[in-house]
């Protein structure tokens, strides 16, 4: 227990070091953390299990910063933490000296698995732009940090990302919301939906796009949706219902129908579909951008934009977006009680919150379940499995999974239990804060009658203690849940 608490204390201290730069809106705050102060922390607070590792002096002589540490930093950290990257306000790693100065914090967040953010496990198919670290790389970083972070290159040696964030050299439109949002430091996290209207008067194909965050200190991540023209009036009503730009939203747009188009998180660049491919959009169709704001600093109003590239070539092969849902049925734990622990009451409450739109029963029926099938899950952990036909044919472009705040793990499998089984996406430790679209390295062809399986697990201990005990089911709110996946696919001409 003492060891566990000591590790937690060191992690919190290091995380604070990593985030203290957020205390103002300028990069000057980053430089107030000196290498002397951080290295002092390192010497005064060694890792609890350091005696099990190599002797510090020997380790320092064995580990080469230039040959071993720098390549890891450049592959897994530099994309966000150098130049104008979104992680620079939290930790600036432009040079070897700056990496060494942050060594204590880097060692702790790497050892804990908090950084770099790459939730997908190696059980998944191989993905492009994989920033994960293996066990040996993590141990190497930690041992180097423990040894005092020696640097065997010039301190001014630049840290160069091994891959550049792609950006659009040219684009047709730069869309934004007509009204903006301005939060306050210290407020609860805000999930805000904005209308981004391309004002289409003819059918076009979206062939490339790029989200440009404005206030990078507070824009945590984005989920972008394609919405058809018939829902524009409903979107306008929501947009007009609140004083600031956009409307408060969480699980989705709240419009009753939408399709996830993209995720953005720090380090995500432009998306350009393969030649001849595009996302078909018709007159009046529009985008809704759900931006997650995290106001741990003061920032001006956010004026984020969305750049688009269009084609009117009728020979364009459309990108197909297929969605899959599994049940989200999480009964109250046996030690919880209250009126909302009755599923019927929780369902009625959700209907009242979301204009009668609650999909829980339809998803149960589609997956062949009834609420009673989950009634025994009263130990605080609940799970669901659902097999569905693919209902599309083509090559996979991207996959993504989605749960809410008490999600514990997520898996999507193609043709489970057969010789052709492929785990398309495995996230053993779900984190709502880090949601990505994942792009397979190799071609994966899916036939219409192939099976897609979703496995989701939830942990009620992750639910805020100040909430009334309640049966949690599939709905849009932050305290509801989902088991949801998207596969983007295409056909070759």
Protein backbone atom coordinates (compact mmCIF):
# COMPACT_ATOMS: atom_id res chain seq x y z
CA UNK A 1 0.00 0.00 0.00
CA UNK A 2 2.84 2.40 0.91
CA UNK A 3 4.53 1.66 -2.42
CA UNK A 4 1.29 2.26 -4.31
CA UNK A 5 0.66 5.58 -2.55
CA UNK A 6 4.24 6.68 -3.14
CA UNK A 7 3.94 5.93 -6.84
CA UNK A 8 0.65 7.84 -7.01
CA UNK A 9 2.24 10.82 -5.26
CA UNK A 10 5.16 10.87 -7.68
CA UNK A 11 2.82 10.56 -10.67
CA UNK A 12 0.65 13.44 -9.45
CA UNK A 13 3.74 15.58 -8.80
CA UNK A 14 5.12 14.84 -12.25
CA UNK A 15 1.78 15.42 -13.93
CA UNK A 16 1.53 18.77 -12.17
CA UNK A 17 5.00 19.60 -13.48
CA UNK A 18 3.83 18.67 -16.98
CA UNK A 19 0.67 20.78 -16.72
CA UNK A 20 1.79 23.74 -14.63
CA UNK A 21 2.64 25.55 -17.84
CA UNK A 22 -1.10 26.00 -18.31
CA UNK A 23 -1.22 28.60 -15.55
CA UNK A 24 -1.18 31.46 -18.07
CA UNK A 25 -1.97 32.01 -21.70
CA UNK A 26 1.58 32.63 -22.88
CA UNK A 27 4.54 30.40 -23.47
CA UNK A 28 6.48 32.36 -20.86
CA UNK A 29 4.90 30.16 -18.20
CA UNK A 30 6.60 27.14 -19.73
CA UNK A 31 10.00 28.68 -19.17
CA UNK A 32 9.38 29.41 -15.49
CA UNK A 33 10.06 25.71 -14.87
CA UNK A 34 13.82 25.51 -14.83
CA UNK A 35 15.94 22.44 -15.36
CA UNK A 36 17.42 23.08 -11.94
CA UNK A 37 14.07 22.87 -10.19
CA UNK A 38 12.99 19.75 -12.03
CA UNK A 39 16.31 17.98 -11.58
CA UNK A 40 16.15 18.86 -7.90
CA UNK A 41 12.78 17.13 -7.74
CA UNK A 42 14.30 14.13 -9.45
CA UNK A 43 17.07 13.75 -6.92
CA UNK A 44 14.85 14.29 -3.90
CA UNK A 45 12.04 11.97 -4.98
CA UNK A 46 13.38 8.79 -6.59
CA UNK A 47 10.98 6.19 -7.93
CA UNK A 48 9.87 3.78 -5.18
CA UNK A 49 11.14 0.71 -6.99
CA UNK A 50 14.37 2.22 -8.22
CA UNK A 51 16.43 -0.21 -6.13
CA UNK A 52 15.18 -2.97 -8.42
CA UNK A 53 16.63 -1.26 -11.45
CA UNK A 54 20.19 -0.63 -12.58
CA UNK A 55 22.51 1.45 -10.45
CA UNK A 56 22.01 5.08 -11.48
CA UNK A 57 25.64 5.76 -12.31
CA UNK A 58 25.94 2.58 -14.36
CA UNK A 59 22.64 3.33 -16.12
CA UNK A 60 23.78 6.81 -17.02
CA UNK A 61 26.87 5.38 -18.66
CA UNK A 62 24.94 2.69 -20.51
CA UNK A 63 22.07 4.72 -21.96
CA UNK A 64 22.85 7.05 -24.84
CA UNK A 65 20.49 9.99 -25.18
CA UNK A 66 21.39 10.56 -28.82
CA UNK A 67 21.16 6.94 -29.94
CA UNK A 68 18.41 5.57 -27.67
CA UNK A 69 16.32 8.25 -25.95
CA UNK A 70 16.10 10.90 -28.67
CA UNK A 71 14.63 8.55 -31.33
CA UNK A 72 11.87 7.54 -28.90
CA UNK A 73 11.09 11.17 -28.06
CA UNK A 74 11.06 12.13 -31.73
CA UNK A 75 8.68 9.31 -32.65
CA UNK A 76 6.30 9.42 -29.70
CA UNK A 77 6.43 12.93 -28.20
CA UNK A 78 7.76 15.51 -30.65
CA UNK A 79 4.68 15.70 -32.84
CA UNK A 80 2.75 17.41 -30.02
CA UNK A 81 5.51 18.91 -27.87
CA UNK A 82 7.71 20.79 -30.36
CA UNK A 83 7.29 23.90 -32.49
CA UNK A 84 3.69 25.06 -32.38
CA UNK A 85 2.35 21.66 -31.40
CA UNK A 86 -0.71 21.52 -29.16
CA UNK A 87 1.26 20.02 -26.29
CA UNK A 88 3.81 22.86 -26.15
CA UNK A 89 1.87 24.93 -23.60
CA UNK A 90 2.15 21.95 -21.24
CA UNK A 91 5.72 20.82 -21.96
CA UNK A 92 8.06 22.29 -24.58
CA UNK A 93 10.58 19.74 -25.86
CA UNK A 94 12.26 21.58 -28.74
CA UNK A 95 15.84 20.73 -27.71
CA UNK A 96 17.78 17.99 -25.98
CA UNK A 97 18.28 20.28 -22.98
CA UNK A 98 14.54 20.84 -22.64
CA UNK A 99 13.88 17.10 -22.79
CA UNK A 100 16.43 16.60 -20.02
CA UNK A 101 14.85 19.39 -17.98
CA UNK A 102 11.48 17.63 -18.11
CA UNK A 103 12.98 14.18 -17.51
CA UNK A 104 11.37 13.63 -14.10
CA UNK A 105 7.89 14.39 -15.46
CA UNK A 106 8.51 12.42 -18.66
CA UNK A 107 9.69 9.40 -16.72
CA UNK A 108 6.64 9.40 -14.47
CA UNK A 109 3.98 9.84 -17.17
CA UNK A 110 5.67 7.27 -19.41
CA UNK A 111 6.03 4.78 -16.54
CA UNK A 112 2.34 5.18 -15.66
CA UNK A 113 1.21 4.78 -19.28
CA UNK A 114 -0.41 8.22 -19.27
CA UNK A 115 1.85 9.32 -22.11
CA UNK A 116 2.11 9.01 -25.02
CA UNK A 117 -1.63 8.71 -25.61
CA UNK A 118 -2.27 5.64 -27.76
CA UNK A 119 -5.14 3.61 -26.29
CA UNK A 120 -5.14 0.83 -28.91
CA UNK A 121 -3.28 -2.31 -27.84
CA UNK A 122 -1.03 -4.47 -30.00
CA UNK A 123 -3.84 -7.02 -30.22
CA UNK A 124 -5.34 -4.67 -32.81
CA UNK A 125 -4.31 -4.82 -36.45
CA UNK A 126 -1.24 -2.62 -37.11
CA UNK A 127 -2.12 1.05 -37.55
CA UNK A 128 -0.47 3.96 -39.30
CA UNK A 129 1.08 6.68 -37.11
CA UNK A 130 1.38 4.35 -34.10
CA UNK A 131 2.88 6.40 -31.24
CA UNK A 132 2.78 3.66 -28.62
CA UNK A 133 5.84 2.54 -26.66
CA UNK A 134 6.72 -1.06 -25.93
CA UNK A 135 7.80 -2.25 -22.49
CA UNK A 136 11.51 -1.96 -23.29
CA UNK A 137 11.12 1.62 -24.50
CA UNK A 138 9.19 2.62 -21.39
CA UNK A 139 11.80 1.05 -19.11
CA UNK A 140 14.59 2.78 -21.01
CA UNK A 141 12.97 6.21 -20.58
CA UNK A 142 12.38 5.61 -16.87
CA UNK A 143 15.93 4.36 -16.23
CA UNK A 144 17.39 7.33 -18.09
CA UNK A 145 15.26 9.75 -16.05
CA UNK A 146 16.27 8.03 -12.81
CA UNK A 147 19.93 8.30 -13.77
CA UNK A 148 19.68 12.10 -13.83
CA UNK A 149 18.76 12.45 -17.53
CA UNK A 150 22.32 12.67 -18.93
CA UNK A 151 22.63 14.09 -22.43
CA UNK A 152 25.52 13.01 -24.67
CA UNK A 153 24.73 15.54 -27.41
CA UNK A 154 24.82 19.33 -27.50
CA UNK A 155 21.98 20.74 -25.40
CA UNK A 156 20.82 22.81 -28.38
CA UNK A 157 20.36 19.70 -30.52
CA UNK A 158 16.86 20.08 -32.01
CA UNK A 159 14.17 17.51 -31.40
CA UNK A 160 12.65 16.73 -34.80
CA UNK A 161 9.34 14.85 -35.13
CA UNK A 162 9.83 11.60 -37.03
CA UNK A 163 6.63 12.37 -38.91
CA UNK A 164 5.08 15.71 -39.72
CA UNK A 165 1.47 16.58 -39.05
CA UNK A 166 -0.06 16.64 -42.54
CA UNK A 167 -1.76 19.85 -43.55
CA UNK A 168 -3.73 20.98 -46.57
CA UNK A 169 -1.57 22.94 -48.99
CA UNK A 170 -4.72 24.21 -50.70
CA UNK A 171 -8.38 24.06 -49.78
CA UNK A 172 -11.72 25.26 -51.12
CA UNK A 173 -13.41 26.54 -47.96
CA UNK A 174 -12.58 27.50 -44.39
CA UNK A 175 -15.75 27.00 -42.39
CA UNK A 176 -16.52 28.34 -38.94
CA UNK A 177 -19.48 28.86 -36.67
CA UNK A 178 -21.24 32.24 -37.01
CA UNK A 179 -21.11 32.51 -33.21
CA UNK A 180 -18.24 31.56 -30.93
CA UNK A 181 -17.82 30.21 -27.43
CA UNK A 182 -15.90 31.83 -24.58
CA UNK A 183 -15.56 29.86 -21.36
CA UNK A 184 -13.94 30.72 -18.04
CA UNK A 185 -10.96 29.25 -16.27
CA UNK A 186 -11.94 26.58 -13.78
CA UNK A 187 -15.40 25.87 -15.22
CA UNK A 188 -16.47 22.24 -15.74
CA UNK A 189 -15.50 20.65 -19.04
CA UNK A 190 -17.79 21.82 -21.82
CA UNK A 191 -18.88 19.77 -24.84
CA UNK A 192 -20.16 22.26 -27.39
CA UNK A 193 -21.80 21.59 -30.76
CA UNK A 194 -21.47 24.12 -33.58
CA UNK A 195 -23.00 24.28 -37.06
CA UNK A 196 -20.36 24.46 -39.81
CA UNK A 197 -22.28 25.00 -43.04
CA UNK A 198 -20.60 24.44 -46.43
CA UNK A 199 -23.74 25.88 -48.09
CA UNK A 200 -23.98 23.15 -50.68
CA UNK A 201 -26.32 23.74 -53.60
CA UNK A 202 -25.29 20.62 -55.52
CA UNK A 203 -23.96 17.18 -54.70
CA UNK A 204 -20.25 17.28 -53.91
CA UNK A 205 -17.65 14.89 -52.56
CA UNK A 206 -15.51 15.83 -49.59
CA UNK A 207 -12.03 14.61 -50.54
CA UNK A 208 -9.99 16.26 -47.79
CA UNK A 209 -10.42 18.22 -44.60
CA UNK A 210 -8.51 19.70 -41.69
CA UNK A 211 -9.68 20.94 -38.31
CA UNK A 212 -7.77 24.04 -37.21
CA UNK A 213 -8.07 24.56 -33.45
CA UNK A 214 -7.85 28.20 -32.47
CA UNK A 215 -7.37 28.30 -28.70
CA UNK A 216 -5.17 25.21 -28.45
CA UNK A 217 -4.74 25.62 -24.69
CA UNK A 218 -8.42 24.83 -24.11
CA UNK A 219 -9.53 22.84 -27.19
CA UNK A 220 -9.04 19.28 -25.94
CA UNK A 221 -10.55 17.23 -28.76
CA UNK A 222 -13.25 17.25 -31.42
CA UNK A 223 -15.80 14.88 -32.88
CA UNK A 224 -17.08 15.93 -36.32
CA UNK A 225 -20.44 14.81 -37.71
CA UNK A 226 -22.09 14.81 -41.13
CA UNK A 227 -25.77 15.76 -40.81
CA UNK A 228 -28.38 15.68 -43.58
CA UNK A 229 -30.42 18.71 -44.62
CA UNK A 230 -33.66 17.51 -43.01
CA UNK A 231 -32.19 18.14 -39.55
CA UNK A 232 -31.12 21.73 -40.21
CA UNK A 233 -34.18 23.32 -38.58
CA UNK A 234 -33.64 21.25 -35.44
CA UNK A 235 -29.98 22.30 -35.37
CA UNK A 236 -30.92 25.96 -35.76
CA UNK A 237 -33.36 25.70 -32.86
CA UNK A 238 -30.67 24.23 -30.62
CA UNK A 239 -28.18 26.86 -31.76
CA UNK A 240 -30.61 29.66 -30.90
CA UNK A 241 -31.54 28.19 -27.52
CA UNK A 242 -28.36 29.30 -25.71
CA UNK A 243 -26.71 32.69 -25.34
CA UNK A 244 -23.26 31.75 -26.58
CA UNK A 245 -22.44 30.13 -29.90
CA UNK A 246 -23.50 26.52 -30.35
CA UNK A 247 -25.24 24.34 -27.81
CA UNK A 248 -24.17 22.09 -24.97
CA UNK A 249 -23.97 18.45 -26.07
CA UNK A 250 -22.14 15.28 -25.10
CA UNK A 251 -22.76 11.82 -26.52
CA UNK A 252 -23.69 13.13 -29.96
CA UNK A 253 -25.31 16.16 -31.55
CA UNK A 254 -28.69 15.50 -29.96
CA UNK A 255 -30.36 15.98 -33.35
CA UNK A 256 -31.67 12.43 -33.61
CA UNK A 257 -29.58 11.51 -36.64
CA UNK A 258 -25.93 12.10 -37.46
CA UNK A 259 -22.86 10.26 -38.73
CA UNK A 260 -19.44 10.56 -37.17
CA UNK A 261 -17.07 11.92 -39.79
CA UNK A 262 -13.87 12.46 -37.86
CA UNK A 263 -12.06 12.74 -34.54
CA UNK A 264 -9.42 15.33 -33.79
CA UNK A 265 -6.99 15.25 -30.88
CA UNK A 266 -3.59 16.93 -30.43
CA UNK A 267 -1.28 15.67 -33.15
CA UNK A 268 -4.04 14.98 -35.67
CA UNK A 269 -3.51 16.64 -39.03
CA UNK A 270 -5.36 16.84 -42.31
CA UNK A 271 -7.25 13.88 -43.70
CA UNK A 272 -7.03 13.31 -47.44
CA UNK A 273 -8.85 10.36 -48.92
CA UNK A 274 -7.18 8.19 -51.53
CA UNK A 275 -7.36 9.45 -55.11
CA UNK A 276 -10.82 9.01 -56.56
CA UNK A 277 -12.53 8.73 -53.15
CA UNK A 278 -14.76 11.21 -51.34
CA UNK A 279 -17.56 11.58 -48.82
CA UNK A 280 -20.79 12.32 -50.67
CA UNK A 281 -22.80 15.30 -49.41
CA UNK A 282 -26.00 16.63 -50.92
CA UNK A 283 -27.58 20.10 -51.09
CA UNK A 284 -28.31 21.43 -47.62
CA UNK A 285 -26.17 18.85 -45.80
CA UNK A 286 -23.91 20.33 -43.15
CA UNK A 287 -21.38 19.55 -40.44
CA UNK A 288 -21.77 19.69 -36.69
CA UNK A 289 -18.52 19.99 -34.77
CA UNK A 290 -18.57 18.87 -31.15
CA UNK A 291 -15.63 20.54 -29.41
CA UNK A 292 -14.51 19.48 -25.95
CA UNK A 293 -13.23 22.50 -24.01
CA UNK A 294 -11.06 22.06 -20.92
CA UNK A 295 -10.66 25.44 -19.23
CA UNK A 296 -7.68 25.06 -16.94
CA UNK A 297 -6.37 28.39 -18.29
CA UNK A 298 -7.89 31.69 -19.36
CA UNK A 299 -8.34 31.98 -23.12
CA UNK A 300 -10.12 34.31 -25.55
CA UNK A 301 -13.20 33.10 -27.38
CA UNK A 302 -12.47 30.12 -29.57
CA UNK A 303 -12.64 30.64 -33.33
CA UNK A 304 -11.69 27.17 -34.55
CA UNK A 305 -12.23 26.45 -38.24
CA UNK A 306 -12.67 23.49 -40.59
CA UNK A 307 -10.99 23.52 -44.00
CA UNK A 308 -12.52 21.47 -46.79
CA UNK A 309 -11.56 20.21 -50.24
CA UNK A 310 -14.38 19.27 -52.63
CA UNK A 311 -14.81 17.42 -55.90
CA UNK A 312 -17.78 17.49 -58.26
CA UNK A 313 -16.44 14.61 -60.36
CA UNK A 314 -19.34 12.17 -60.73
CA UNK A 315 -16.82 9.33 -61.07
CA UNK A 316 -15.74 9.83 -57.46
CA UNK A 317 -16.14 6.65 -55.43
CA UNK A 318 -18.01 7.50 -52.23
CA UNK A 319 -16.58 6.76 -48.79
CA UNK A 320 -19.01 4.57 -46.90
CA UNK A 321 -19.63 5.20 -43.19
CA UNK A 322 -21.00 2.13 -41.38
CA UNK A 323 -22.04 2.28 -37.73
CA UNK A 324 -22.43 -0.55 -35.24
CA UNK A 325 -24.03 -0.51 -31.80
CA UNK A 326 -24.03 -2.91 -28.89
CA UNK A 327 -26.19 -2.80 -25.75
CA UNK A 328 -25.21 -0.51 -22.90
CA UNK A 329 -27.09 -1.91 -19.90
CA UNK A 330 -25.43 -1.20 -16.55
CA UNK A 331 -27.62 -2.04 -13.53
CA UNK A 332 -27.08 -0.40 -10.15
CA UNK A 333 -24.60 -2.26 -7.99
CA UNK A 334 -26.03 -4.38 -5.20
CA UNK A 335 -25.02 -1.75 -2.62
CA UNK A 336 -26.82 1.06 -4.47
CA UNK A 337 -30.50 1.90 -4.20
CA UNK A 338 -32.88 4.57 -5.40
CA UNK A 339 -35.86 5.03 -7.73
CA UNK A 340 -33.65 5.38 -10.82
CA UNK A 341 -32.12 1.96 -10.14
CA UNK A 342 -35.32 0.62 -11.72
CA UNK A 343 -34.63 0.40 -15.46
CA UNK A 344 -38.12 1.58 -16.41
CA UNK A 345 -37.67 4.74 -14.34
CA UNK A 346 -34.22 5.38 -15.79
CA UNK A 347 -35.59 4.90 -19.31
CA UNK A 348 -38.44 7.37 -18.73
CA UNK A 349 -35.98 9.86 -17.24
CA UNK A 350 -33.75 9.58 -20.31
CA UNK A 351 -36.72 10.05 -22.63
CA UNK A 352 -37.63 13.25 -20.79
CA UNK A 353 -34.06 14.51 -21.18
CA UNK A 354 -33.69 13.81 -24.89
CA UNK A 355 -37.06 14.61 -26.45
CA UNK A 356 -38.13 10.98 -26.33
CA UNK A 357 -35.13 9.78 -28.36
CA UNK A 358 -33.59 6.83 -26.52
CA UNK A 359 -32.25 3.91 -28.59
CA UNK A 360 -31.59 1.43 -25.78
CA UNK A 361 -34.53 -0.88 -26.52
CA UNK A 362 -33.96 -0.92 -30.27
CA UNK A 363 -30.30 -1.85 -29.78
CA UNK A 364 -31.24 -4.64 -27.38
CA UNK A 365 -33.69 -6.07 -29.89
CA UNK A 366 -31.24 -5.82 -32.79
CA UNK A 367 -28.63 -7.74 -30.78
CA UNK A 368 -31.11 -10.37 -29.57
CA UNK A 369 -31.21 -9.39 -25.89
CA UNK A 370 -33.70 -8.29 -23.26
CA UNK A 371 -33.02 -6.15 -20.16
CA UNK A 372 -33.25 -9.24 -17.94
CA UNK A 373 -30.13 -10.64 -19.62
CA UNK A 374 -28.09 -7.99 -17.80
CA UNK A 375 -29.95 -7.95 -14.48
CA UNK A 376 -27.37 -10.14 -12.73
CA UNK A 377 -24.52 -7.68 -13.36
CA UNK A 378 -24.73 -6.05 -9.94
CA UNK A 379 -21.10 -6.22 -8.78
CA UNK A 380 -20.27 -2.85 -10.33
CA UNK A 381 -18.99 -4.28 -13.62
CA UNK A 382 -21.22 -4.73 -16.66
CA UNK A 383 -20.49 -5.91 -20.18
CA UNK A 384 -22.13 -6.64 -23.51
CA UNK A 385 -21.34 -8.51 -26.72
CA UNK A 386 -23.13 -8.08 -30.01
CA UNK A 387 -22.55 -9.78 -33.38
CA UNK A 388 -23.89 -8.03 -36.47
CA UNK A 389 -23.53 -8.48 -40.22
CA UNK A 390 -21.19 -5.97 -41.80
CA UNK A 391 -23.86 -4.82 -44.29
CA UNK A 392 -21.20 -3.24 -46.49
CA UNK A 393 -18.53 -4.42 -48.87
CA UNK A 394 -15.17 -2.77 -49.35
CA UNK A 395 -11.73 -1.95 -48.00
CA UNK A 396 -11.44 -0.49 -44.52
CA UNK A 397 -10.14 3.08 -44.45
CA UNK A 398 -10.51 3.75 -40.71
CA UNK A 399 -12.06 2.32 -37.55
CA UNK A 400 -13.07 3.98 -34.32
CA UNK A 401 -14.85 3.07 -31.10
CA UNK A 402 -16.91 5.11 -28.70
CA UNK A 403 -18.02 4.86 -25.09
CA UNK A 404 -18.61 7.44 -22.38
CA UNK A 405 -17.03 8.10 -18.99
CA UNK A 406 -17.53 4.76 -17.24
CA UNK A 407 -16.30 2.74 -20.19
CA UNK A 408 -13.59 0.29 -19.09
CA UNK A 409 -12.64 -1.52 -22.30
CA UNK A 410 -13.65 -1.75 -25.97
CA UNK A 411 -13.05 -4.30 -28.71
CA UNK A 412 -14.22 -4.66 -32.31
CA UNK A 413 -13.56 -7.97 -34.07
CA UNK A 414 -14.06 -9.07 -37.67
CA UNK A 415 -15.32 -12.65 -38.09
CA UNK A 416 -14.73 -13.74 -34.48
CA UNK A 417 -14.10 -17.42 -33.78
CA UNK A 418 -13.10 -18.22 -37.36
CA UNK A 419 -9.71 -18.77 -39.02
CA UNK A 420 -10.16 -15.32 -40.60
CA UNK A 421 -10.63 -13.56 -37.24
CA UNK A 422 -9.11 -10.08 -37.04
CA UNK A 423 -9.25 -7.79 -34.01
CA UNK A 424 -9.88 -4.50 -35.77
CA UNK A 425 -9.53 -2.42 -32.59
CA UNK A 426 -8.71 -3.36 -29.01
CA UNK A 427 -8.68 -0.73 -26.26
CA UNK A 428 -8.06 -2.54 -22.96
CA UNK A 429 -8.29 0.64 -20.87
CA UNK A 430 -10.91 2.98 -22.25
CA UNK A 431 -10.23 6.70 -21.84
CA UNK A 432 -12.88 9.11 -23.07
CA UNK A 433 -10.28 11.87 -23.22
CA UNK A 434 -8.29 10.10 -25.94
CA UNK A 435 -10.50 9.01 -28.83
CA UNK A 436 -8.92 8.50 -32.22
CA UNK A 437 -9.75 7.27 -35.67
CA UNK A 438 -7.30 4.45 -36.45
CA UNK A 439 -6.07 3.77 -39.99
CA UNK A 440 -4.96 0.17 -40.72
CA UNK A 441 -1.56 -0.24 -42.36
CA UNK A 442 -2.69 -3.12 -44.55
CA UNK A 443 -5.66 -3.62 -46.82
CA UNK A 444 -8.57 -5.33 -45.06
CA UNK A 445 -11.46 -6.36 -47.28
CA UNK A 446 -14.88 -6.86 -45.72
CA UNK A 447 -17.74 -8.75 -47.34
CA UNK A 448 -21.37 -7.92 -46.72
CA UNK A 449 -22.09 -11.10 -44.76
CA UNK A 450 -18.96 -10.90 -42.61
CA UNK A 451 -19.56 -10.55 -38.87
CA UNK A 452 -18.61 -7.52 -36.79
CA UNK A 453 -18.52 -8.15 -33.03
CA UNK A 454 -18.52 -5.40 -30.41
CA UNK A 455 -17.39 -6.13 -26.84
CA UNK A 456 -17.81 -3.37 -24.27
CA UNK A 457 -17.17 -3.30 -20.53
CA UNK A 458 -18.17 -0.64 -17.99
CA UNK A 459 -17.05 0.07 -14.44
CA UNK A 460 -19.53 1.84 -12.16
CA UNK A 461 -16.73 2.93 -9.82
CA UNK A 462 -15.81 5.49 -12.49
CA UNK A 463 -19.20 7.18 -12.08
CA UNK A 464 -19.07 10.47 -10.10
CA UNK A 465 -20.02 9.96 -6.46
CA UNK A 466 -22.28 13.00 -6.40
CA UNK A 467 -24.75 11.45 -8.85
CA UNK A 468 -27.94 9.78 -7.72
CA UNK A 469 -27.70 5.99 -8.09
CA UNK A 470 -29.17 5.05 -11.44
CA UNK A 471 -29.44 2.25 -13.96
CA UNK A 472 -27.22 3.42 -16.82
CA UNK A 473 -28.35 2.73 -20.36
CA UNK A 474 -27.70 3.79 -23.93
CA UNK A 475 -28.40 7.51 -24.35
CA UNK A 476 -26.64 10.73 -25.32
CA UNK A 477 -25.85 12.33 -21.95
CA UNK A 478 -22.52 12.47 -20.17
CA UNK A 479 -23.86 10.18 -17.44
CA UNK A 480 -25.37 7.72 -19.93
CA UNK A 481 -23.37 5.19 -21.91
CA UNK A 482 -22.75 3.81 -25.37
CA UNK A 483 -21.13 0.83 -27.09
CA UNK A 484 -20.59 2.18 -30.57
CA UNK A 485 -18.24 1.79 -33.52
CA UNK A 486 -17.66 3.26 -36.95
CA UNK A 487 -15.98 1.67 -39.95
CA UNK A 488 -15.13 3.85 -42.94
CA UNK A 489 -14.67 1.90 -46.15
CA UNK A 490 -14.26 2.32 -49.88
CA UNK A 491 -14.37 0.42 -53.15
CA UNK A 492 -11.56 0.42 -55.67
CA UNK A 493 -12.45 1.69 -59.12
